[in-house]
């Protein structure tokens, strides 16, 4: 079945002390999440059972996965294996916009 949406029409959900917003688009087994993270976004080291791919669209950040870190900017991508701690730190004076791909779908995001 055809499912067409546009990010501009998808509701933004605020999180992390209103320093970030996410928009969600789902299929049956995969989820896209468009995040906007403001400068000063608080540390949020966490893990989950989902495989995740992060694609940076705009801004600059340090991405930490396990004990490794890398500076990332527009066009950079990284894979996060399931159950590995990770974090994203905004390092510039402008927001980071990233697209996350999760499989399976993060049911916890749908309940908010």
PDB file of N, CA and C in Angstrom:
ATOM      1  N   UNK A   1       0.839  -1.175   0.000  1.00  0.00           N
ATOM      2  CA  UNK A   1       0.000   0.000   0.000  1.00  0.00           C
ATOM      3  C   UNK A   1       0.889   1.245   0.000  1.00  0.00           C
ATOM      4  N   UNK A   2       0.563   2.205  -0.817  1.00  0.00           N
ATOM      5  CA  UNK A   2       1.327   3.442  -0.956  1.00  0.00           C
ATOM      6  C   UNK A   2       1.175   4.312   0.286  1.00  0.00           C
ATOM      7  N   UNK A   3       2.313   4.728   0.850  1.00  0.00           N
ATOM      8  CA  UNK A   3       2.319   5.601   2.028  1.00  0.00           C
ATOM      9  C   UNK A   3       3.270   6.753   1.740  1.00  0.00           C
ATOM     10  N   UNK A   4       2.706   7.912   1.433  1.00  0.00           N
ATOM     11  CA  UNK A   4       3.509   9.093   1.104  1.00  0.00           C
ATOM     12  C   UNK A   4       3.276  10.146   2.180  1.00  0.00           C
ATOM     13  N   UNK A   5       4.366  10.633   2.755  1.00  0.00           N
ATOM     14  CA  UNK A   5       4.291  11.725   3.717  1.00  0.00           C
ATOM     15  C   UNK A   5       5.451  12.673   3.452  1.00  0.00           C
ATOM     16  N   UNK A   6       5.395  13.853   4.047  1.00  0.00           N
ATOM     17  CA  UNK A   6       6.450  14.848   3.929  1.00  0.00           C
ATOM     18  C   UNK A   6       6.853  15.256   5.341  1.00  0.00           C
ATOM     19  N   UNK A   7       8.156  15.405   5.586  1.00  0.00           N
ATOM     20  CA  UNK A   7       8.629  15.762   6.931  1.00  0.00           C
ATOM     21  C   UNK A   7       7.938  17.018   7.451  1.00  0.00           C
ATOM     22  N   UNK A   8       7.628  17.968   6.575  1.00  0.00           N
ATOM     23  CA  UNK A   8       7.012  19.225   7.039  1.00  0.00           C
ATOM     24  C   UNK A   8       5.619  19.007   7.623  1.00  0.00           C
ATOM     25  N   UNK A   9       5.004  17.863   7.307  1.00  0.00           N
ATOM     26  CA  UNK A   9       3.658  17.568   7.798  1.00  0.00           C
ATOM     27  C   UNK A   9       3.638  16.622   8.989  1.00  0.00           C
ATOM     28  N   UNK A  10       4.796  16.120   9.422  1.00  0.00           N
ATOM     29  CA  UNK A  10       4.860  15.165  10.521  1.00  0.00           C
ATOM     30  C   UNK A  10       5.126  15.915  11.826  1.00  0.00           C
ATOM     31  N   UNK A  11       4.318  15.629  12.833  1.00  0.00           N
ATOM     32  CA  UNK A  11       4.418  16.289  14.126  1.00  0.00           C
ATOM     33  C   UNK A  11       5.795  16.125  14.744  1.00  0.00           C
ATOM     34  N   UNK A  12       6.304  17.206  15.354  1.00  0.00           N
ATOM     35  CA  UNK A  12       7.573  17.163  16.073  1.00  0.00           C
ATOM     36  C   UNK A  12       7.311  16.824  17.528  1.00  0.00           C
ATOM     37  N   UNK A  13       8.051  15.845  18.049  1.00  0.00           N
ATOM     38  CA  UNK A  13       7.975  15.468  19.453  1.00  0.00           C
ATOM     39  C   UNK A  13       9.216  16.006  20.158  1.00  0.00           C
ATOM     40  N   UNK A  14       9.033  16.849  21.154  1.00  0.00           N
ATOM     41  CA  UNK A  14      10.162  17.392  21.910  1.00  0.00           C
ATOM     42  C   UNK A  14      10.648  16.359  22.922  1.00  0.00           C
ATOM     43  N   UNK A  15      11.981  16.341  23.162  1.00  0.00           N
ATOM     44  CA  UNK A  15      12.556  15.454  24.162  1.00  0.00           C
ATOM     45  C   UNK A  15      13.849  16.038  24.696  1.00  0.00           C
ATOM     46  N   UNK A  16      14.420  15.399  25.708  1.00  0.00           N
ATOM     47  CA  UNK A  16      15.666  15.838  26.364  1.00  0.00           C
ATOM     48  C   UNK A  16      15.595  17.317  26.738  1.00  0.00           C
ATOM     49  N   UNK A  17      14.697  17.606  27.680  1.00  0.00           N
ATOM     50  CA  UNK A  17      14.561  18.965  28.218  1.00  0.00           C
ATOM     51  C   UNK A  17      14.236  19.977  27.121  1.00  0.00           C
ATOM     52  N   UNK A  18      13.488  19.547  26.134  1.00  0.00           N
ATOM     53  CA  UNK A  18      13.080  20.383  24.989  1.00  0.00           C
ATOM     54  C   UNK A  18      14.262  20.927  24.185  1.00  0.00           C
ATOM     55  N   UNK A  19      15.421  20.253  24.302  1.00  0.00           N
ATOM     56  CA  UNK A  19      16.599  20.651  23.528  1.00  0.00           C
ATOM     57  C   UNK A  19      16.650  19.924  22.188  1.00  0.00           C
ATOM     58  N   UNK A  20      15.669  19.048  21.940  1.00  0.00           N
ATOM     59  CA  UNK A  20      15.667  18.272  20.706  1.00  0.00           C
ATOM     60  C   UNK A  20      14.227  17.984  20.289  1.00  0.00           C
ATOM     61  N   UNK A  21      14.080  17.714  18.994  1.00  0.00           N
ATOM     62  CA  UNK A  21      12.776  17.330  18.452  1.00  0.00           C
ATOM     63  C   UNK A  21      12.987  16.167  17.501  1.00  0.00           C
ATOM     64  N   UNK A  22      11.999  15.260  17.483  1.00  0.00           N
ATOM     65  CA  UNK A  22      12.065  14.133  16.553  1.00  0.00           C
ATOM     66  C   UNK A  22      10.754  14.032  15.793  1.00  0.00           C
ATOM     67  N   UNK A  23      10.889  13.568  14.552  1.00  0.00           N
ATOM     68  CA  UNK A  23       9.747  13.263  13.705  1.00  0.00           C
ATOM     69  C   UNK A  23       9.914  11.824  13.238  1.00  0.00           C
ATOM     70  N   UNK A  24       8.807  11.090  13.143  1.00  0.00           N
ATOM     71  CA  UNK A  24       8.884   9.651  12.917  1.00  0.00           C
ATOM     72  C   UNK A  24       8.069   9.241  11.696  1.00  0.00           C
ATOM     73  N   UNK A  25       8.682   8.368  10.892  1.00  0.00           N
ATOM     74  CA  UNK A  25       8.005   7.729   9.760  1.00  0.00           C
ATOM     75  C   UNK A  25       8.324   6.242   9.842  1.00  0.00           C
ATOM     76  N   UNK A  26       7.301   5.389   9.778  1.00  0.00           N
ATOM     77  CA  UNK A  26       7.532   3.955   9.930  1.00  0.00           C
ATOM     78  C   UNK A  26       7.015   3.157   8.752  1.00  0.00           C
ATOM     79  N   UNK A  27       7.682   2.038   8.544  1.00  0.00           N
ATOM     80  CA  UNK A  27       7.192   0.983   7.675  1.00  0.00           C
ATOM     81  C   UNK A  27       6.774  -0.161   8.579  1.00  0.00           C
ATOM     82  N   UNK A  28       6.757  -1.378   8.040  1.00  0.00           N
ATOM     83  CA  UNK A  28       6.390  -2.528   8.871  1.00  0.00           C
ATOM     84  C   UNK A  28       7.534  -2.976   9.766  1.00  0.00           C
ATOM     85  N   UNK A  29       8.784  -2.888   9.290  1.00  0.00           N
ATOM     86  CA  UNK A  29       9.930  -3.396  10.045  1.00  0.00           C
ATOM     87  C   UNK A  29      11.074  -2.405  10.187  1.00  0.00           C
ATOM     88  N   UNK A  30      10.871  -1.189   9.725  1.00  0.00           N
ATOM     89  CA  UNK A  30      11.936  -0.185   9.780  1.00  0.00           C
ATOM     90  C   UNK A  30      11.320   1.164  10.145  1.00  0.00           C
ATOM     91  N   UNK A  31      12.117   1.995  10.814  1.00  0.00           N
ATOM     92  CA  UNK A  31      11.652   3.307  11.268  1.00  0.00           C
ATOM     93  C   UNK A  31      12.690   4.364  10.887  1.00  0.00           C
ATOM     94  N   UNK A  32      12.212   5.479  10.345  1.00  0.00           N
ATOM     95  CA  UNK A  32      13.049   6.654  10.101  1.00  0.00           C
ATOM     96  C   UNK A  32      12.699   7.700  11.147  1.00  0.00           C
ATOM     97  N   UNK A  33      13.728   8.317  11.727  1.00  0.00           N
ATOM     98  CA  UNK A  33      13.520   9.369  12.716  1.00  0.00           C
ATOM     99  C   UNK A  33      14.385  10.553  12.327  1.00  0.00           C
ATOM    100  N   UNK A  34      13.741  11.695  12.079  1.00  0.00           N
ATOM    101  CA  UNK A  34      14.453  12.928  11.771  1.00  0.00           C
ATOM    102  C   UNK A  34      14.586  13.711  13.067  1.00  0.00           C
ATOM    103  N   UNK A  35      15.834  13.927  13.513  1.00  0.00           N
ATOM    104  CA  UNK A  35      16.113  14.624  14.773  1.00  0.00           C
ATOM    105  C   UNK A  35      16.718  15.986  14.503  1.00  0.00           C
ATOM    106  N   UNK A  36      16.337  16.961  15.324  1.00  0.00           N
ATOM    107  CA  UNK A  36      16.981  18.268  15.362  1.00  0.00           C
ATOM    108  C   UNK A  36      17.464  18.469  16.791  1.00  0.00           C
ATOM    109  N   UNK A  37      18.796  18.546  16.968  1.00  0.00           N
ATOM    110  CA  UNK A  37      19.422  18.636  18.286  1.00  0.00           C
ATOM    111  C   UNK A  37      20.084  20.000  18.428  1.00  0.00           C
ATOM    112  N   UNK A  38      19.674  20.763  19.422  1.00  0.00           N
ATOM    113  CA  UNK A  38      20.154  22.127  19.604  1.00  0.00           C
ATOM    114  C   UNK A  38      21.528  22.160  20.270  1.00  0.00           C
ATOM    115  N   UNK A  39      22.304  23.235  20.040  1.00  0.00           N
ATOM    116  CA  UNK A  39      23.549  23.406  20.802  1.00  0.00           C
ATOM    117  C   UNK A  39      23.228  23.373  22.298  1.00  0.00           C
ATOM    118  N   UNK A  40      24.057  22.708  23.066  1.00  0.00           N
ATOM    119  CA  UNK A  40      23.796  22.539  24.490  1.00  0.00           C
ATOM    120  C   UNK A  40      22.971  21.308  24.816  1.00  0.00           C
ATOM    121  N   UNK A  41      22.622  20.523  23.784  1.00  0.00           N
ATOM    122  CA  UNK A  41      21.896  19.269  23.994  1.00  0.00           C
ATOM    123  C   UNK A  41      22.636  18.454  25.049  1.00  0.00           C
ATOM    124  N   UNK A  42      21.951  18.027  26.125  1.00  0.00           N
ATOM    125  CA  UNK A  42      22.650  17.346  27.223  1.00  0.00           C
ATOM    126  C   UNK A  42      23.126  15.947  26.835  1.00  0.00           C
ATOM    127  N   UNK A  43      24.195  15.473  27.470  1.00  0.00           N
ATOM    128  CA  UNK A  43      24.657  14.104  27.204  1.00  0.00           C
ATOM    129  C   UNK A  43      23.518  13.111  27.424  1.00  0.00           C
ATOM    130  N   UNK A  44      23.496  12.093  26.580  1.00  0.00           N
ATOM    131  CA  UNK A  44      22.381  11.146  26.598  1.00  0.00           C
ATOM    132  C   UNK A  44      22.897   9.755  26.226  1.00  0.00           C
ATOM    133  N   UNK A  45      23.947   9.307  26.931  1.00  0.00           N
ATOM    134  CA  UNK A  45      24.531   7.990  26.647  1.00  0.00           C
ATOM    135  C   UNK A  45      23.492   6.920  26.944  1.00  0.00           C
ATOM    136  N   UNK A  46      23.232   6.065  25.968  1.00  0.00           N
ATOM    137  CA  UNK A  46      22.176   5.065  26.110  1.00  0.00           C
ATOM    138  C   UNK A  46      22.443   3.893  25.167  1.00  0.00           C
ATOM    139  N   UNK A  47      21.617   2.863  25.292  1.00  0.00           N
ATOM    140  CA  UNK A  47      21.685   1.724  24.381  1.00  0.00           C
ATOM    141  C   UNK A  47      20.278   1.163  24.226  1.00  0.00           C
ATOM    142  N   UNK A  48      20.094   0.370  23.186  1.00  0.00           N
ATOM    143  CA  UNK A  48      18.799  -0.235  22.900  1.00  0.00           C
ATOM    144  C   UNK A  48      19.029  -1.478  22.049  1.00  0.00           C
ATOM    145  N   UNK A  49      18.030  -2.351  21.954  1.00  0.00           N
ATOM    146  CA  UNK A  49      18.213  -3.608  21.214  1.00  0.00           C
ATOM    147  C   UNK A  49      18.077  -3.472  19.698  1.00  0.00           C
ATOM    148  N   UNK A  50      17.951  -2.253  19.203  1.00  0.00           N
ATOM    149  CA  UNK A  50      17.750  -2.021  17.774  1.00  0.00           C
ATOM    150  C   UNK A  50      19.064  -1.722  17.066  1.00  0.00           C
ATOM    151  N   UNK A  51      19.215  -2.193  15.842  1.00  0.00           N
ATOM    152  CA  UNK A  51      20.316  -1.726  15.004  1.00  0.00           C
ATOM    153  C   UNK A  51      19.940  -0.323  14.545  1.00  0.00           C
ATOM    154  N   UNK A  52      20.929   0.572  14.480  1.00  0.00           N
ATOM    155  CA  UNK A  52      20.672   1.966  14.122  1.00  0.00           C
ATOM    156  C   UNK A  52      21.727   2.439  13.141  1.00  0.00           C
ATOM    157  N   UNK A  53      21.284   3.185  12.148  1.00  0.00           N
ATOM    158  CA  UNK A  53      22.191   3.891  11.250  1.00  0.00           C
ATOM    159  C   UNK A  53      21.879   5.372  11.386  1.00  0.00           C
ATOM    160  N   UNK A  54      22.920   6.183  11.549  1.00  0.00           N
ATOM    161  CA  UNK A  54      22.766   7.626  11.702  1.00  0.00           C
ATOM    162  C   UNK A  54      23.398   8.306  10.495  1.00  0.00           C
ATOM    163  N   UNK A  55      22.651   9.227   9.891  1.00  0.00           N
ATOM    164  CA  UNK A  55      23.122  10.013   8.746  1.00  0.00           C
ATOM    165  C   UNK A  55      23.013  11.486   9.136  1.00  0.00           C
ATOM    166  N   UNK A  56      24.131  12.188   9.153  1.00  0.00           N
ATOM    167  CA  UNK A  56      24.144  13.605   9.527  1.00  0.00           C
ATOM    168  C   UNK A  56      23.802  14.443   8.294  1.00  0.00           C
ATOM    169  N   UNK A  57      22.743  15.221   8.415  1.00  0.00           N
ATOM    170  CA  UNK A  57      22.306  16.100   7.319  1.00  0.00           C
ATOM    171  C   UNK A  57      22.894  17.500   7.447  1.00  0.00           C
ATOM    172  N   UNK A  58      23.014  17.991   8.696  1.00  0.00           N
ATOM    173  CA  UNK A  58      23.518  19.342   8.910  1.00  0.00           C
ATOM    174  C   UNK A  58      24.087  19.434  10.321  1.00  0.00           C
ATOM    175  N   UNK A  59      25.025  20.360  10.508  1.00  0.00           N
ATOM    176  CA  UNK A  59      25.635  20.559  11.809  1.00  0.00           C
ATOM    177  C   UNK A  59      26.856  19.675  12.007  1.00  0.00           C
ATOM    178  N   UNK A  60      27.444  19.806  13.187  1.00  0.00           N
ATOM    179  CA  UNK A  60      28.667  19.058  13.502  1.00  0.00           C
ATOM    180  C   UNK A  60      28.537  18.478  14.904  1.00  0.00           C
ATOM    181  N   UNK A  61      28.993  17.236  15.057  1.00  0.00           N
ATOM    182  CA  UNK A  61      28.862  16.561  16.348  1.00  0.00           C
ATOM    183  C   UNK A  61      30.020  15.593  16.549  1.00  0.00           C
ATOM    184  N   UNK A  62      30.217  15.236  17.804  1.00  0.00           N
ATOM    185  CA  UNK A  62      31.081  14.112  18.144  1.00  0.00           C
ATOM    186  C   UNK A  62      30.154  12.951  18.436  1.00  0.00           C
ATOM    187  N   UNK A  63      30.388  11.845  17.761  1.00  0.00           N
ATOM    188  CA  UNK A  63      29.559  10.662  17.968  1.00  0.00           C
ATOM    189  C   UNK A  63      30.390   9.642  18.715  1.00  0.00           C
ATOM    190  N   UNK A  64      29.855   9.126  19.805  1.00  0.00           N
ATOM    191  CA  UNK A  64      30.559   8.164  20.649  1.00  0.00           C
ATOM    192  C   UNK A  64      29.808   6.837  20.580  1.00  0.00           C
ATOM    193  N   UNK A  65      30.545   5.775  20.216  1.00  0.00           N
ATOM    194  CA  UNK A  65      29.980   4.425  20.202  1.00  0.00           C
ATOM    195  C   UNK A  65      30.930   3.548  20.996  1.00  0.00           C
ATOM    196  N   UNK A  66      30.429   2.994  22.099  1.00  0.00           N
ATOM    197  CA  UNK A  66      31.301   2.228  22.980  1.00  0.00           C
ATOM    198  C   UNK A  66      32.419   3.117  23.490  1.00  0.00           C
ATOM    199  N   UNK A  67      33.680   2.726  23.255  1.00  0.00           N
ATOM    200  CA  UNK A  67      34.845   3.492  23.692  1.00  0.00           C
ATOM    201  C   UNK A  67      35.467   4.318  22.572  1.00  0.00           C
ATOM    202  N   UNK A  68      34.810   4.398  21.418  1.00  0.00           N
ATOM    203  CA  UNK A  68      35.356   5.132  20.274  1.00  0.00           C
ATOM    204  C   UNK A  68      34.523   6.370  19.989  1.00  0.00           C
ATOM    205  N   UNK A  69      35.185   7.391  19.428  1.00  0.00           N
ATOM    206  CA  UNK A  69      34.440   8.590  19.043  1.00  0.00           C
ATOM    207  C   UNK A  69      34.974   9.119  17.717  1.00  0.00           C
ATOM    208  N   UNK A  70      34.110   9.870  17.029  1.00  0.00           N
ATOM    209  CA  UNK A  70      34.478  10.451  15.741  1.00  0.00           C
ATOM    210  C   UNK A  70      33.727  11.759  15.569  1.00  0.00           C
ATOM    211  N   UNK A  71      34.388  12.736  14.975  1.00  0.00           N
ATOM    212  CA  UNK A  71      33.743  13.996  14.601  1.00  0.00           C
ATOM    213  C   UNK A  71      32.962  13.734  13.317  1.00  0.00           C
ATOM    214  N   UNK A  72      31.695  14.153  13.295  1.00  0.00           N
ATOM    215  CA  UNK A  72      30.839  13.912  12.135  1.00  0.00           C
ATOM    216  C   UNK A  72      30.190  15.213  11.683  1.00  0.00           C
ATOM    217  N   UNK A  73      29.995  15.309  10.365  1.00  0.00           N
ATOM    218  CA  UNK A  73      29.325  16.457   9.780  1.00  0.00           C
ATOM    219  C   UNK A  73      28.459  16.022   8.619  1.00  0.00           C
ATOM    220  N   UNK A  74      27.926  16.979   7.866  1.00  0.00           N
ATOM    221  CA  UNK A  74      26.999  16.661   6.782  1.00  0.00           C
ATOM    222  C   UNK A  74      27.555  15.602   5.826  1.00  0.00           C
ATOM    223  N   UNK A  75      26.738  14.585   5.579  1.00  0.00           N
ATOM    224  CA  UNK A  75      27.110  13.497   4.683  1.00  0.00           C
ATOM    225  C   UNK A  75      27.705  12.289   5.378  1.00  0.00           C
ATOM    226  N   UNK A  76      28.122  12.445   6.650  1.00  0.00           N
ATOM    227  CA  UNK A  76      28.706  11.317   7.381  1.00  0.00           C
ATOM    228  C   UNK A  76      27.619  10.382   7.895  1.00  0.00           C
ATOM    229  N   UNK A  77      27.960   9.089   7.919  1.00  0.00           N
ATOM    230  CA  UNK A  77      27.053   8.054   8.409  1.00  0.00           C
ATOM    231  C   UNK A  77      27.806   7.122   9.334  1.00  0.00           C
ATOM    232  N   UNK A  78      27.069   6.501  10.258  1.00  0.00           N
ATOM    233  CA  UNK A  78      27.657   5.522  11.161  1.00  0.00           C
ATOM    234  C   UNK A  78      26.604   4.478  11.513  1.00  0.00           C
ATOM    235  N   UNK A  79      27.072   3.255  11.744  1.00  0.00           N
ATOM    236  CA  UNK A  79      26.194   2.158  12.172  1.00  0.00           C
ATOM    237  C   UNK A  79      26.428   1.911  13.648  1.00  0.00           C
ATOM    238  N   UNK A  80      25.320   1.744  14.379  1.00  0.00           N
ATOM    239  CA  UNK A  80      25.381   1.407  15.795  1.00  0.00           C
ATOM    240  C   UNK A  80      24.789   0.013  15.957  1.00  0.00           C
ATOM    241  N   UNK A  81      25.605  -0.950  16.390  1.00  0.00           N
ATOM    242  CA  UNK A  81      25.076  -2.303  16.604  1.00  0.00           C
ATOM    243  C   UNK A  81      24.080  -2.317  17.765  1.00  0.00           C
ATOM    244  N   UNK A  82      23.211  -3.313  17.813  1.00  0.00           N
ATOM    245  CA  UNK A  82      22.291  -3.437  18.943  1.00  0.00           C
ATOM    246  C   UNK A  82      23.041  -3.541  20.269  1.00  0.00           C
ATOM    247  N   UNK A  83      22.450  -2.946  21.305  1.00  0.00           N
ATOM    248  CA  UNK A  83      22.925  -3.067  22.695  1.00  0.00           C
ATOM    249  C   UNK A  83      24.314  -2.497  22.944  1.00  0.00           C
ATOM    250  N   UNK A  84      24.753  -1.528  22.133  1.00  0.00           N
ATOM    251  CA  UNK A  84      26.039  -0.854  22.349  1.00  0.00           C
ATOM    252  C   UNK A  84      25.748   0.581  22.778  1.00  0.00           C
ATOM    253  N   UNK A  85      26.364   1.013  23.892  1.00  0.00           N
ATOM    254  CA  UNK A  85      26.155   2.381  24.366  1.00  0.00           C
ATOM    255  C   UNK A  85      26.683   3.391  23.359  1.00  0.00           C
ATOM    256  N   UNK A  86      25.944   4.499  23.214  1.00  0.00           N
ATOM    257  CA  UNK A  86      26.340   5.538  22.274  1.00  0.00           C
ATOM    258  C   UNK A  86      25.773   6.885  22.706  1.00  0.00           C
ATOM    259  N   UNK A  87      26.331   7.939  22.114  1.00  0.00           N
ATOM    260  CA  UNK A  87      25.919   9.304  22.429  1.00  0.00           C
ATOM    261  C   UNK A  87      26.300  10.211  21.271  1.00  0.00           C
ATOM    262  N   UNK A  88      25.625  11.334  21.176  1.00  0.00           N
ATOM    263  CA  UNK A  88      25.924  12.359  20.174  1.00  0.00           C
ATOM    264  C   UNK A  88      26.083  13.676  20.916  1.00  0.00           C
ATOM    265  N   UNK A  89      27.192  14.377  20.679  1.00  0.00           N
ATOM    266  CA  UNK A  89      27.461  15.656  21.331  1.00  0.00           C
ATOM    267  C   UNK A  89      27.537  16.738  20.259  1.00  0.00           C
ATOM    268  N   UNK A  90      26.631  17.706  20.333  1.00  0.00           N
ATOM    269  CA  UNK A  90      26.640  18.835  19.397  1.00  0.00           C
ATOM    270  C   UNK A  90      27.859  19.690  19.718  1.00  0.00           C
ATOM    271  N   UNK A  91      28.705  19.987  18.711  1.00  0.00           N
ATOM    272  CA  UNK A  91      29.959  20.699  18.981  1.00  0.00           C
ATOM    273  C   UNK A  91      30.031  22.083  18.348  1.00  0.00           C
ATOM    274  N   UNK A  92      29.028  22.479  17.608  1.00  0.00           N
ATOM    275  CA  UNK A  92      29.058  23.791  16.960  1.00  0.00           C
ATOM    276  C   UNK A  92      27.917  24.658  17.514  1.00  0.00           C
ATOM    277  N   UNK A  93      27.815  25.863  17.005  1.00  0.00           N
ATOM    278  CA  UNK A  93      26.792  26.805  17.465  1.00  0.00           C
ATOM    279  C   UNK A  93      25.493  26.698  16.687  1.00  0.00           C
ATOM    280  N   UNK A  94      25.371  25.665  15.875  1.00  0.00           N
ATOM    281  CA  UNK A  94      24.108  25.477  15.152  1.00  0.00           C
ATOM    282  C   UNK A  94      23.604  24.064  15.397  1.00  0.00           C
ATOM    283  N   UNK A  95      22.311  23.844  15.198  1.00  0.00           N
ATOM    284  CA  UNK A  95      21.750  22.512  15.471  1.00  0.00           C
ATOM    285  C   UNK A  95      22.336  21.428  14.576  1.00  0.00           C
ATOM    286  N   UNK A  96      22.305  20.209  15.100  1.00  0.00           N
ATOM    287  CA  UNK A  96      22.611  19.024  14.308  1.00  0.00           C
ATOM    288  C   UNK A  96      21.273  18.451  13.852  1.00  0.00           C
ATOM    289  N   UNK A  97      21.175  18.182  12.566  1.00  0.00           N
ATOM    290  CA  UNK A  97      20.003  17.502  12.016  1.00  0.00           C
ATOM    291  C   UNK A  97      20.486  16.160  11.510  1.00  0.00           C
ATOM    292  N   UNK A  98      19.884  15.094  12.040  1.00  0.00           N
ATOM    293  CA  UNK A  98      20.290  13.764  11.603  1.00  0.00           C
ATOM    294  C   UNK A  98      19.073  12.900  11.320  1.00  0.00           C
ATOM    295  N   UNK A  99      19.287  11.933  10.459  1.00  0.00           N
ATOM    296  CA  UNK A  99      18.266  10.953  10.124  1.00  0.00           C
ATOM    297  C   UNK A  99      18.713   9.615  10.683  1.00  0.00           C
ATOM    298  N   UNK A 100      17.906   9.052  11.584  1.00  0.00           N
ATOM    299  CA  UNK A 100      18.184   7.741  12.165  1.00  0.00           C
ATOM    300  C   UNK A 100      17.318   6.699  11.481  1.00  0.00           C
ATOM    301  N   UNK A 101      17.905   5.547  11.220  1.00  0.00           N
ATOM    302  CA  UNK A 101      17.169   4.404  10.691  1.00  0.00           C
ATOM    303  C   UNK A 101      17.265   3.302  11.742  1.00  0.00           C
ATOM    304  N   UNK A 102      16.130   2.794  12.187  1.00  0.00           N
ATOM    305  CA  UNK A 102      16.080   1.738  13.200  1.00  0.00           C
ATOM    306  C   UNK A 102      15.418   0.491  12.639  1.00  0.00           C
ATOM    307  N   UNK A 103      15.985  -0.655  12.991  1.00  0.00           N
ATOM    308  CA  UNK A 103      15.303  -1.912  12.753  1.00  0.00           C
ATOM    309  C   UNK A 103      15.587  -2.827  13.928  1.00  0.00           C
ATOM    310  N   UNK A 104      14.587  -3.476  14.508  1.00  0.00           N
ATOM    311  CA  UNK A 104      13.170  -3.273  14.209  1.00  0.00           C
ATOM    312  C   UNK A 104      12.700  -1.897  14.680  1.00  0.00           C
ATOM    313  N   UNK A 105      11.430  -1.627  14.477  1.00  0.00           N
ATOM    314  CA  UNK A 105      10.821  -0.360  14.894  1.00  0.00           C
ATOM    315  C   UNK A 105      10.967  -0.179  16.402  1.00  0.00           C
ATOM    316  N   UNK A 106      11.244   1.041  16.817  1.00  0.00           N
ATOM    317  CA  UNK A 106      11.323   1.369  18.244  1.00  0.00           C
ATOM    318  C   UNK A 106       9.914   1.637  18.764  1.00  0.00           C
ATOM    319  N   UNK A 107       9.340   0.632  19.360  1.00  0.00           N
ATOM    320  CA  UNK A 107       7.983   0.745  19.892  1.00  0.00           C
ATOM    321  C   UNK A 107       7.905   1.848  20.958  1.00  0.00           C
ATOM    322  N   UNK A 108       8.999   2.067  21.717  1.00  0.00           N
ATOM    323  CA  UNK A 108       8.972   3.099  22.751  1.00  0.00           C
ATOM    324  C   UNK A 108       8.760   4.487  22.156  1.00  0.00           C
ATOM    325  N   UNK A 109       9.217   4.731  20.935  1.00  0.00           N
ATOM    326  CA  UNK A 109       8.988   6.026  20.290  1.00  0.00           C
ATOM    327  C   UNK A 109       7.528   6.193  19.874  1.00  0.00           C
ATOM    328  N   UNK A 110       6.853   5.113  19.557  1.00  0.00           N
ATOM    329  CA  UNK A 110       5.464   5.190  19.119  1.00  0.00           C
ATOM    330  C   UNK A 110       4.502   5.470  20.266  1.00  0.00           C
ATOM    331  N   UNK A 111       4.899   5.170  21.486  1.00  0.00           N
ATOM    332  CA  UNK A 111       4.026   5.347  22.639  1.00  0.00           C
ATOM    333  C   UNK A 111       4.025   6.769  23.183  1.00  0.00           C
ATOM    334  N   UNK A 112       4.849   7.635  22.643  1.00  0.00           N
ATOM    335  CA  UNK A 112       4.953   8.985  23.193  1.00  0.00           C
ATOM    336  C   UNK A 112       3.947   9.915  22.571  1.00  0.00           C
TER     337      UNK A 112
END
